[in-house]
PDB file of N, CA and C in Angstrom:
ATOM      1  N   MET A   1      98.261  95.725  92.324  1.00  0.00           N
ATOM      2  CA  MET A   1      97.751  94.448  92.700  1.00  0.00           C
ATOM      3  C   MET A   1      97.761  94.274  94.219  1.00  0.00           C
ATOM      4  N   VAL A   2      98.864  94.651  94.845  1.00  0.00           N
ATOM      5  CA  VAL A   2      98.933  94.527  96.303  1.00  0.00           C
ATOM      6  C   VAL A   2      97.925  95.449  96.965  1.00  0.00           C
ATOM      7  N   ALA A   3      97.777  96.648  96.453  1.00  0.00           N
ATOM      8  CA  ALA A   3      96.797  97.581  97.022  1.00  0.00           C
ATOM      9  C   ALA A   3      95.391  96.982  96.966  1.00  0.00           C
ATOM     10  N   ASP A   4      95.052  96.323  95.871  1.00  0.00           N
ATOM     11  CA  ASP A   4      93.741  95.678  95.768  1.00  0.00           C
ATOM     12  C   ASP A   4      93.607  94.535  96.774  1.00  0.00           C
ATOM     13  N   ARG A   5      94.658  93.755  96.938  1.00  0.00           N
ATOM     14  CA  ARG A   5      94.617  92.648  97.909  1.00  0.00           C
ATOM     15  C   ARG A   5      94.413  93.192  99.322  1.00  0.00           C
ATOM     16  N   LEU A   6      95.092  94.273  99.655  1.00  0.00           N
ATOM     17  CA  LEU A   6      94.931  94.881 100.976  1.00  0.00           C
ATOM     18  C   LEU A   6      93.522  95.440 101.150  1.00  0.00           C
ATOM     19  N   ALA A   7      93.022  96.144 100.130  1.00  0.00           N
ATOM     20  CA  ALA A   7      91.699  96.754 100.204  1.00  0.00           C
ATOM     21  C   ALA A   7      90.589  95.710 100.334  1.00  0.00           C
ATOM     22  N   ASN A   8      90.798  94.547  99.749  1.00  0.00           N
ATOM     23  CA  ASN A   8      89.787  93.486  99.782  1.00  0.00           C
ATOM     24  C   ASN A   8      89.980  92.496 100.914  1.00  0.00           C
ATOM     25  N   GLY A   9      90.902  92.794 101.822  1.00  0.00           N
ATOM     26  CA  GLY A   9      91.119  91.934 102.973  1.00  0.00           C
ATOM     27  C   GLY A   9      91.769  90.601 102.649  1.00  0.00           C
ATOM     28  N   MET A  10      92.412  90.499 101.507  1.00  0.00           N
ATOM     29  CA  MET A  10      93.058  89.240 101.122  1.00  0.00           C
ATOM     30  C   MET A  10      94.423  89.069 101.774  1.00  0.00           C
ATOM     31  N   GLN A  11      94.977  90.154 102.309  1.00  0.00           N
ATOM     32  CA  GLN A  11      96.214  90.099 103.077  1.00  0.00           C
ATOM     33  C   GLN A  11      96.266  91.290 104.004  1.00  0.00           C
ATOM     34  N   ALA A  12      97.011  91.120 105.076  1.00  0.00           N
ATOM     35  CA  ALA A  12      97.172  92.199 106.053  1.00  0.00           C
ATOM     36  C   ALA A  12      98.374  93.058 105.667  1.00  0.00           C
ATOM     37  N   PRO A  13      98.346  94.345 106.019  1.00  0.00           N
ATOM     38  CA  PRO A  13      99.453  95.227 105.665  1.00  0.00           C
ATOM     39  C   PRO A  13     100.807  94.781 106.214  1.00  0.00           C
ATOM     40  N   ASN A  14     100.817  94.087 107.338  1.00  0.00           N
ATOM     41  CA  ASN A  14     102.091  93.700 107.944  1.00  0.00           C
ATOM     42  C   ASN A  14     102.555  92.304 107.536  1.00  0.00           C
ATOM     43  N   GLU A  15     101.820  91.614 106.662  1.00  0.00           N
ATOM     44  CA  GLU A  15     102.235  90.287 106.207  1.00  0.00           C
ATOM     45  C   GLU A  15     103.450  90.374 105.296  1.00  0.00           C
ATOM     46  N   ILE A  16     104.307  89.396 105.388  1.00  0.00           N
ATOM     47  CA  ILE A  16     105.459  89.326 104.488  1.00  0.00           C
ATOM     48  C   ILE A  16     104.964  88.873 103.121  1.00  0.00           C
ATOM     49  N   ARG A  17     105.438  89.543 102.095  1.00  0.00           N
ATOM     50  CA  ARG A  17     105.103  89.143 100.731  1.00  0.00           C
ATOM     51  C   ARG A  17     106.384  89.018  99.911  1.00  0.00           C
ATOM     52  N   LEU A  18     106.350  88.133  98.958  1.00  0.00           N
ATOM     53  CA  LEU A  18     107.514  87.865  98.116  1.00  0.00           C
ATOM     54  C   LEU A  18     107.230  88.345  96.706  1.00  0.00           C
ATOM     55  N   VAL A  19     108.147  89.121  96.161  1.00  0.00           N
ATOM     56  CA  VAL A  19     108.082  89.560  94.777  1.00  0.00           C
ATOM     57  C   VAL A  19     109.177  88.793  94.044  1.00  0.00           C
ATOM     58  N   VAL A  20     108.792  88.097  92.986  1.00  0.00           N
ATOM     59  CA  VAL A  20     109.748  87.258  92.253  1.00  0.00           C
ATOM     60  C   VAL A  20     110.071  87.907  90.916  1.00  0.00           C
ATOM     61  N   GLN A  21     111.356  88.046  90.659  1.00  0.00           N
ATOM     62  CA  GLN A  21     111.840  88.562  89.385  1.00  0.00           C
ATOM     63  C   GLN A  21     112.157  87.393  88.456  1.00  0.00           C
ATOM     64  N   MET A  22     111.681  87.459  87.234  1.00  0.00           N
ATOM     65  CA  MET A  22     112.124  86.532  86.194  1.00  0.00           C
ATOM     66  C   MET A  22     113.320  87.179  85.511  1.00  0.00           C
ATOM     67  N   ALA A  23     114.032  86.405  84.742  1.00  0.00           N
ATOM     68  CA  ALA A  23     115.151  86.963  83.979  1.00  0.00           C
ATOM     69  C   ALA A  23     114.598  87.854  82.877  1.00  0.00           C
ATOM     70  N   VAL A  24     115.133  89.056  82.763  1.00  0.00           N
ATOM     71  CA  VAL A  24     114.710  89.964  81.699  1.00  0.00           C
ATOM     72  C   VAL A  24     115.056  89.311  80.364  1.00  0.00           C
ATOM     73  N   GLY A  25     114.108  89.341  79.457  1.00  0.00           N
ATOM     74  CA  GLY A  25     114.313  88.731  78.149  1.00  0.00           C
ATOM     75  C   GLY A  25     113.583  87.412  77.993  1.00  0.00           C
ATOM     76  N   THR A  26     113.109  86.836  79.117  1.00  0.00           N
ATOM     77  CA  THR A  26     112.278  85.656  78.971  1.00  0.00           C
ATOM     78  C   THR A  26     110.950  86.095  78.363  1.00  0.00           C
ATOM     79  N   ASN A  27     110.202  85.162  77.884  1.00  0.00           N
ATOM     80  CA  ASN A  27     108.953  85.442  77.184  1.00  0.00           C
ATOM     81  C   ASN A  27     108.048  86.372  78.001  1.00  0.00           C
ATOM     82  N   LEU A  28     107.686  87.511  77.431  1.00  0.00           N
ATOM     83  CA  LEU A  28     106.743  88.477  78.009  1.00  0.00           C
ATOM     84  C   LEU A  28     107.256  89.202  79.253  1.00  0.00           C
ATOM     85  N   TYR A  29     108.541  89.212  79.522  1.00  0.00           N
ATOM     86  CA  TYR A  29     109.061  89.871  80.720  1.00  0.00           C
ATOM     87  C   TYR A  29     110.090  90.912  80.302  1.00  0.00           C
ATOM     88  N   SER A  30     109.867  92.154  80.715  1.00  0.00           N
ATOM     89  CA  SER A  30     110.726  93.251  80.260  1.00  0.00           C
ATOM     90  C   SER A  30     111.477  93.906  81.411  1.00  0.00           C
ATOM     91  N   ALA A  31     112.433  94.729  81.063  1.00  0.00           N
ATOM     92  CA  ALA A  31     113.185  95.492  82.055  1.00  0.00           C
ATOM     93  C   ALA A  31     112.273  96.456  82.811  1.00  0.00           C
ATOM     94  N   THR A  32     111.206  96.932  82.181  1.00  0.00           N
ATOM     95  CA  THR A  32     110.254  97.830  82.835  1.00  0.00           C
ATOM     96  C   THR A  32     109.537  97.118  83.977  1.00  0.00           C
ATOM     97  N   ILE A  33     109.123  95.890  83.745  1.00  0.00           N
ATOM     98  CA  ILE A  33     108.462  95.107  84.792  1.00  0.00           C
ATOM     99  C   ILE A  33     109.433  94.844  85.936  1.00  0.00           C
ATOM    100  N   ALA A  34     110.657  94.460  85.608  1.00  0.00           N
ATOM    101  CA  ALA A  34     111.667  94.185  86.639  1.00  0.00           C
ATOM    102  C   ALA A  34     111.943  95.432  87.470  1.00  0.00           C
ATOM    103  N   ALA A  35     112.052  96.581  86.816  1.00  0.00           N
ATOM    104  CA  ALA A  35     112.317  97.834  87.536  1.00  0.00           C
ATOM    105  C   ALA A  35     111.153  98.189  88.464  1.00  0.00           C
ATOM    106  N   ALA A  36     109.933  97.975  88.018  1.00  0.00           N
ATOM    107  CA  ALA A  36     108.768  98.277  88.854  1.00  0.00           C
ATOM    108  C   ALA A  36     108.744  97.382  90.086  1.00  0.00           C
ATOM    109  N   LYS A  37     109.063  96.105  89.910  1.00  0.00           N
ATOM    110  CA  LYS A  37     109.089  95.192  91.057  1.00  0.00           C
ATOM    111  C   LYS A  37     110.183  95.573  92.044  1.00  0.00           C
ATOM    112  N   THR A  38     111.355  95.932  91.538  1.00  0.00           N
ATOM    113  CA  THR A  38     112.459  96.339  92.407  1.00  0.00           C
ATOM    114  C   THR A  38     112.086  97.593  93.185  1.00  0.00           C
ATOM    115  N   ALA A  39     111.489  98.557  92.515  1.00  0.00           N
ATOM    116  CA  ALA A  39     111.082  99.798  93.186  1.00  0.00           C
ATOM    117  C   ALA A  39     110.027  99.519  94.251  1.00  0.00           C
ATOM    118  N   TYR A  40     109.057  98.654  93.933  1.00  0.00           N
ATOM    119  CA  TYR A  40     108.021  98.326  94.910  1.00  0.00           C
ATOM    120  C   TYR A  40     108.635  97.675  96.141  1.00  0.00           C
ATOM    121  N   ALA A  41     109.498  96.701  95.926  1.00  0.00           N
ATOM    122  CA  ALA A  41     110.123  95.992  97.055  1.00  0.00           C
ATOM    123  C   ALA A  41     110.939  96.953  97.916  1.00  0.00           C
ATOM    124  N   ALA A  42     111.673  97.854  97.288  1.00  0.00           N
ATOM    125  CA  ALA A  42     112.496  98.812  98.030  1.00  0.00           C
ATOM    126  C   ALA A  42     111.635  99.767  98.849  1.00  0.00           C
ATOM    127  N   ALA A  43     110.482 100.148  98.327  1.00  0.00           N
ATOM    128  CA  ALA A  43     109.612 101.108  99.013  1.00  0.00           C
ATOM    129  C   ALA A  43     108.740 100.466 100.086  1.00  0.00           C
ATOM    130  N   ASN A  44     108.698  99.162 100.123  1.00  0.00           N
ATOM    131  CA  ASN A  44     107.792  98.473 101.044  1.00  0.00           C
ATOM    132  C   ASN A  44     108.526  97.489 101.947  1.00  0.00           C
ATOM    133  N   GLN A  45     109.649  97.933 102.464  1.00  0.00           N
ATOM    134  CA  GLN A  45     110.420  97.126 103.412  1.00  0.00           C
ATOM    135  C   GLN A  45     109.872  97.322 104.805  1.00  0.00           C
ATOM    136  N   PRO A  46     109.935  96.426 105.712  1.00  0.00           N
ATOM    137  CA  PRO A  46     110.549  95.103 105.603  1.00  0.00           C
ATOM    138  C   PRO A  46     109.564  94.020 105.191  1.00  0.00           C
ATOM    139  N   GLN A  47     108.315  94.373 104.883  1.00  0.00           N
ATOM    140  CA  GLN A  47     107.314  93.353 104.565  1.00  0.00           C
ATOM    141  C   GLN A  47     107.557  92.671 103.222  1.00  0.00           C
ATOM    142  N   THR A  48     108.207  93.364 102.295  1.00  0.00           N
ATOM    143  CA  THR A  48     108.368  92.822 100.950  1.00  0.00           C
ATOM    144  C   THR A  48     109.780  92.307 100.746  1.00  0.00           C
ATOM    145  N   LYS A  49     109.857  91.059 100.314  1.00  0.00           N
ATOM    146  CA  LYS A  49     111.131  90.404 100.014  1.00  0.00           C
ATOM    147  C   LYS A  49     111.209  90.221  98.507  1.00  0.00           C
ATOM    148  N   LEU A  50     112.411  90.297  97.963  1.00  0.00           N
ATOM    149  CA  LEU A  50     112.622  90.174  96.526  1.00  0.00           C
ATOM    150  C   LEU A  50     113.489  88.949  96.260  1.00  0.00           C
ATOM    151  N   ALA A  51     113.062  88.105  95.350  1.00  0.00           N
ATOM    152  CA  ALA A  51     113.844  86.929  94.941  1.00  0.00           C
ATOM    153  C   ALA A  51     113.938  86.936  93.421  1.00  0.00           C
ATOM    154  N   THR A  52     115.029  86.439  92.891  1.00  0.00           N
ATOM    155  CA  THR A  52     115.213  86.342  91.450  1.00  0.00           C
ATOM    156  C   THR A  52     115.093  84.884  91.035  1.00  0.00           C
ATOM    157  N   MET A  53     114.224  84.624  90.090  1.00  0.00           N
ATOM    158  CA  MET A  53     113.984  83.268  89.627  1.00  0.00           C
ATOM    159  C   MET A  53     115.195  82.753  88.855  1.00  0.00           C
ATOM    160  N   ALA A  54     115.631  81.554  89.176  1.00  0.00           N
ATOM    161  CA  ALA A  54     116.728  80.920  88.443  1.00  0.00           C
ATOM    162  C   ALA A  54     116.277  80.640  87.005  1.00  0.00           C
ATOM    163  N   PRO A  55     117.191  80.708  86.046  1.00  0.00           N
ATOM    164  CA  PRO A  55     116.797  80.567  84.639  1.00  0.00           C
ATOM    165  C   PRO A  55     116.629  79.106  84.197  1.00  0.00           C
ATOM    166  N   TYR A  56     115.754  78.390  84.872  1.00  0.00           N
ATOM    167  CA  TYR A  56     115.469  77.000  84.508  1.00  0.00           C
ATOM    168  C   TYR A  56     114.051  76.957  83.964  1.00  0.00           C
ATOM    169  N   PHE A  57     113.912  77.078  82.640  1.00  0.00           N
ATOM    170  CA  PHE A  57     112.601  77.193  82.006  1.00  0.00           C
ATOM    171  C   PHE A  57     112.339  76.054  81.031  1.00  0.00           C
ATOM    172  N   ASN A  58     111.045  75.817  80.789  1.00  0.00           N
ATOM    173  CA  ASN A  58     110.640  74.908  79.722  1.00  0.00           C
ATOM    174  C   ASN A  58     110.966  75.561  78.388  1.00  0.00           C
ATOM    175  N   SER A  59     110.749  74.841  77.307  1.00  0.00           N
ATOM    176  CA  SER A  59     111.093  75.351  75.977  1.00  0.00           C
ATOM    177  C   SER A  59     110.292  76.591  75.584  1.00  0.00           C
ATOM    178  N   ASP A  60     109.177  76.872  76.286  1.00  0.00           N
ATOM    179  CA  ASP A  60     108.401  78.081  75.972  1.00  0.00           C
ATOM    180  C   ASP A  60     109.056  79.351  76.508  1.00  0.00           C
ATOM    181  N   ASN A  61     110.142  79.200  77.278  1.00  0.00           N
ATOM    182  CA  ASN A  61     110.886  80.336  77.835  1.00  0.00           C
ATOM    183  C   ASN A  61     110.006  81.209  78.725  1.00  0.00           C
ATOM    184  N   LEU A  62     109.010  80.579  79.376  1.00  0.00           N
ATOM    185  CA  LEU A  62     108.105  81.301  80.257  1.00  0.00           C
ATOM    186  C   LEU A  62     107.861  80.533  81.552  1.00  0.00           C
ATOM    187  N   HIS A  63     107.565  79.263  81.450  1.00  0.00           N
ATOM    188  CA  HIS A  63     107.232  78.449  82.616  1.00  0.00           C
ATOM    189  C   HIS A  63     108.463  77.720  83.143  1.00  0.00           C
ATOM    190  N   SER A  64     108.591  77.690  84.454  1.00  0.00           N
ATOM    191  CA  SER A  64     109.726  76.989  85.077  1.00  0.00           C
ATOM    192  C   SER A  64     109.606  75.491  84.854  1.00  0.00           C
ATOM    193  N   ASN A  65     110.769  74.865  84.637  1.00  0.00           N
ATOM    194  CA  ASN A  65     110.778  73.407  84.606  1.00  0.00           C
ATOM    195  C   ASN A  65     110.824  72.911  86.056  1.00  0.00           C
ATOM    196  N   ALA A  66     110.913  71.609  86.248  1.00  0.00           N
ATOM    197  CA  ALA A  66     110.883  71.063  87.612  1.00  0.00           C
ATOM    198  C   ALA A  66     112.023  71.620  88.455  1.00  0.00           C
ATOM    199  N   ARG A  67     113.218  71.696  87.894  1.00  0.00           N
ATOM    200  CA  ARG A  67     114.351  72.233  88.648  1.00  0.00           C
ATOM    201  C   ARG A  67     114.106  73.691  89.039  1.00  0.00           C
ATOM    202  N   GLY A  68     113.532  74.474  88.137  1.00  0.00           N
ATOM    203  CA  GLY A  68     113.231  75.870  88.436  1.00  0.00           C
ATOM    204  C   GLY A  68     112.190  76.019  89.531  1.00  0.00           C
ATOM    205  N   GLN A  69     111.193  75.132  89.552  1.00  0.00           N
ATOM    206  CA  GLN A  69     110.174  75.180  90.591  1.00  0.00           C
ATOM    207  C   GLN A  69     110.763  74.852  91.962  1.00  0.00           C
ATOM    208  N   VAL A  70     111.632  73.831  91.999  1.00  0.00           N
ATOM    209  CA  VAL A  70     112.275  73.475  93.268  1.00  0.00           C
ATOM    210  C   VAL A  70     113.181  74.613  93.725  1.00  0.00           C
ATOM    211  N   GLN A  71     113.946  75.204  92.801  1.00  0.00           N
ATOM    212  CA  GLN A  71     114.843  76.298  93.160  1.00  0.00           C
ATOM    213  C   GLN A  71     114.058  77.491  93.685  1.00  0.00           C
ATOM    214  N   LEU A  72     112.908  77.790  93.081  1.00  0.00           N
ATOM    215  CA  LEU A  72     112.089  78.896  93.571  1.00  0.00           C
ATOM    216  C   LEU A  72     111.616  78.625  94.995  1.00  0.00           C
ATOM    217  N   GLY A  73     111.322  77.375  95.302  1.00  0.00           N
ATOM    218  CA  GLY A  73     110.966  77.021  96.680  1.00  0.00           C
ATOM    219  C   GLY A  73     112.112  77.302  97.636  1.00  0.00           C
ATOM    220  N   TYR A  74     113.336  76.906  97.247  1.00  0.00           N
ATOM    221  CA  TYR A  74     114.514  77.195  98.076  1.00  0.00           C
ATOM    222  C   TYR A  74     114.696  78.706  98.239  1.00  0.00           C
ATOM    223  N   ASP A  75     114.573  79.438  97.119  1.00  0.00           N
ATOM    224  CA  ASP A  75     114.786  80.883  97.156  1.00  0.00           C
ATOM    225  C   ASP A  75     113.712  81.598  97.983  1.00  0.00           C
ATOM    226  N   THR A  76     112.481  81.099  97.934  1.00  0.00           N
ATOM    227  CA  THR A  76     111.408  81.666  98.748  1.00  0.00           C
ATOM    228  C   THR A  76     111.710  81.479 100.228  1.00  0.00           C
ATOM    229  N   PHE A  77     112.117  80.278 100.606  1.00  0.00           N
ATOM    230  CA  PHE A  77     112.482  80.007 101.998  1.00  0.00           C
ATOM    231  C   PHE A  77     113.612  80.926 102.430  1.00  0.00           C
ATOM    232  N   GLU A  78     114.629  81.064 101.589  1.00  0.00           N
ATOM    233  CA  GLU A  78     115.772  81.928 101.881  1.00  0.00           C
ATOM    234  C   GLU A  78     115.329  83.373 102.106  1.00  0.00           C
ATOM    235  N   ALA A  79     114.469  83.897 101.225  1.00  0.00           N
ATOM    236  CA  ALA A  79     114.022  85.286 101.326  1.00  0.00           C
ATOM    237  C   ALA A  79     113.153  85.517 102.554  1.00  0.00           C
ATOM    238  N   PHE A  80     112.231  84.604 102.841  1.00  0.00           N
ATOM    239  CA  PHE A  80     111.316  84.776 103.965  1.00  0.00           C
ATOM    240  C   PHE A  80     112.014  84.674 105.311  1.00  0.00           C
ATOM    241  N   PHE A  81     112.952  83.747 105.407  1.00  0.00           N
ATOM    242  CA  PHE A  81     113.550  83.457 106.709  1.00  0.00           C
ATOM    243  C   PHE A  81     115.000  83.900 106.844  1.00  0.00           C
ATOM    244  N   GLY A  82     115.558  84.570 105.833  1.00  0.00           N
ATOM    245  CA  GLY A  82     116.925  85.067 105.909  1.00  0.00           C
ATOM    246  C   GLY A  82     117.961  83.953 106.040  1.00  0.00           C
ATOM    247  N   LYS A  83     117.727  82.852 105.371  1.00  0.00           N
ATOM    248  CA  LYS A  83     118.624  81.698 105.445  1.00  0.00           C
ATOM    249  C   LYS A  83     119.632  81.722 104.307  1.00  0.00           C
ATOM    250  N   PRO A  84     120.726  80.961 104.448  1.00  0.00           N
ATOM    251  CA  PRO A  84     121.746  80.926 103.397  1.00  0.00           C
ATOM    252  C   PRO A  84     121.201  80.345 102.091  1.00  0.00           C
ATOM    253  N   HIS A  85     121.822  80.708 101.001  1.00  0.00           N
ATOM    254  CA  HIS A  85     121.404  80.270  99.675  1.00  0.00           C
ATOM    255  C   HIS A  85     121.579  78.770  99.493  1.00  0.00           C
ATOM    256  N   ALA A  86     120.571  78.131  98.929  1.00  0.00           N
ATOM    257  CA  ALA A  86     120.618  76.708  98.635  1.00  0.00           C
ATOM    258  C   ALA A  86     120.326  76.526  97.152  1.00  0.00           C
ATOM    259  N   THR A  87     120.976  75.569  96.542  1.00  0.00           N
ATOM    260  CA  THR A  87     120.802  75.297  95.110  1.00  0.00           C
ATOM    261  C   THR A  87     120.238  73.915  94.925  1.00  0.00           C
ATOM    262  N   ALA A  88     119.237  73.792  94.060  1.00  0.00           N
ATOM    263  CA  ALA A  88     118.642  72.487  93.777  1.00  0.00           C
ATOM    264  C   ALA A  88     119.677  71.600  93.102  1.00  0.00           C
ATOM    265  N   PRO A  89     119.691  70.317  93.442  1.00  0.00           N
ATOM    266  CA  PRO A  89     120.655  69.398  92.809  1.00  0.00           C
ATOM    267  C   PRO A  89     120.370  69.205  91.343  1.00  0.00           C
TER     268      PRO A  89
END
């Protein structure tokens, strides 16, 4: 996916990108997907940052609830700017 974005001019090679991990076992998310994301992030440093999504989901066990969305915003800021961890109230 990233290779296609680069090839189509949708992002520059030196732009920071965030890869978000969901909890393994949530709906449609497997250990194989998590391992691929971890490997990609490790191989594409320092442009690629890795964040793990907090387990705050709606009843479908796939979509984040409001608290999960706010926490992902905090975690994105933390990953992009190297700031200390913040937790949504």
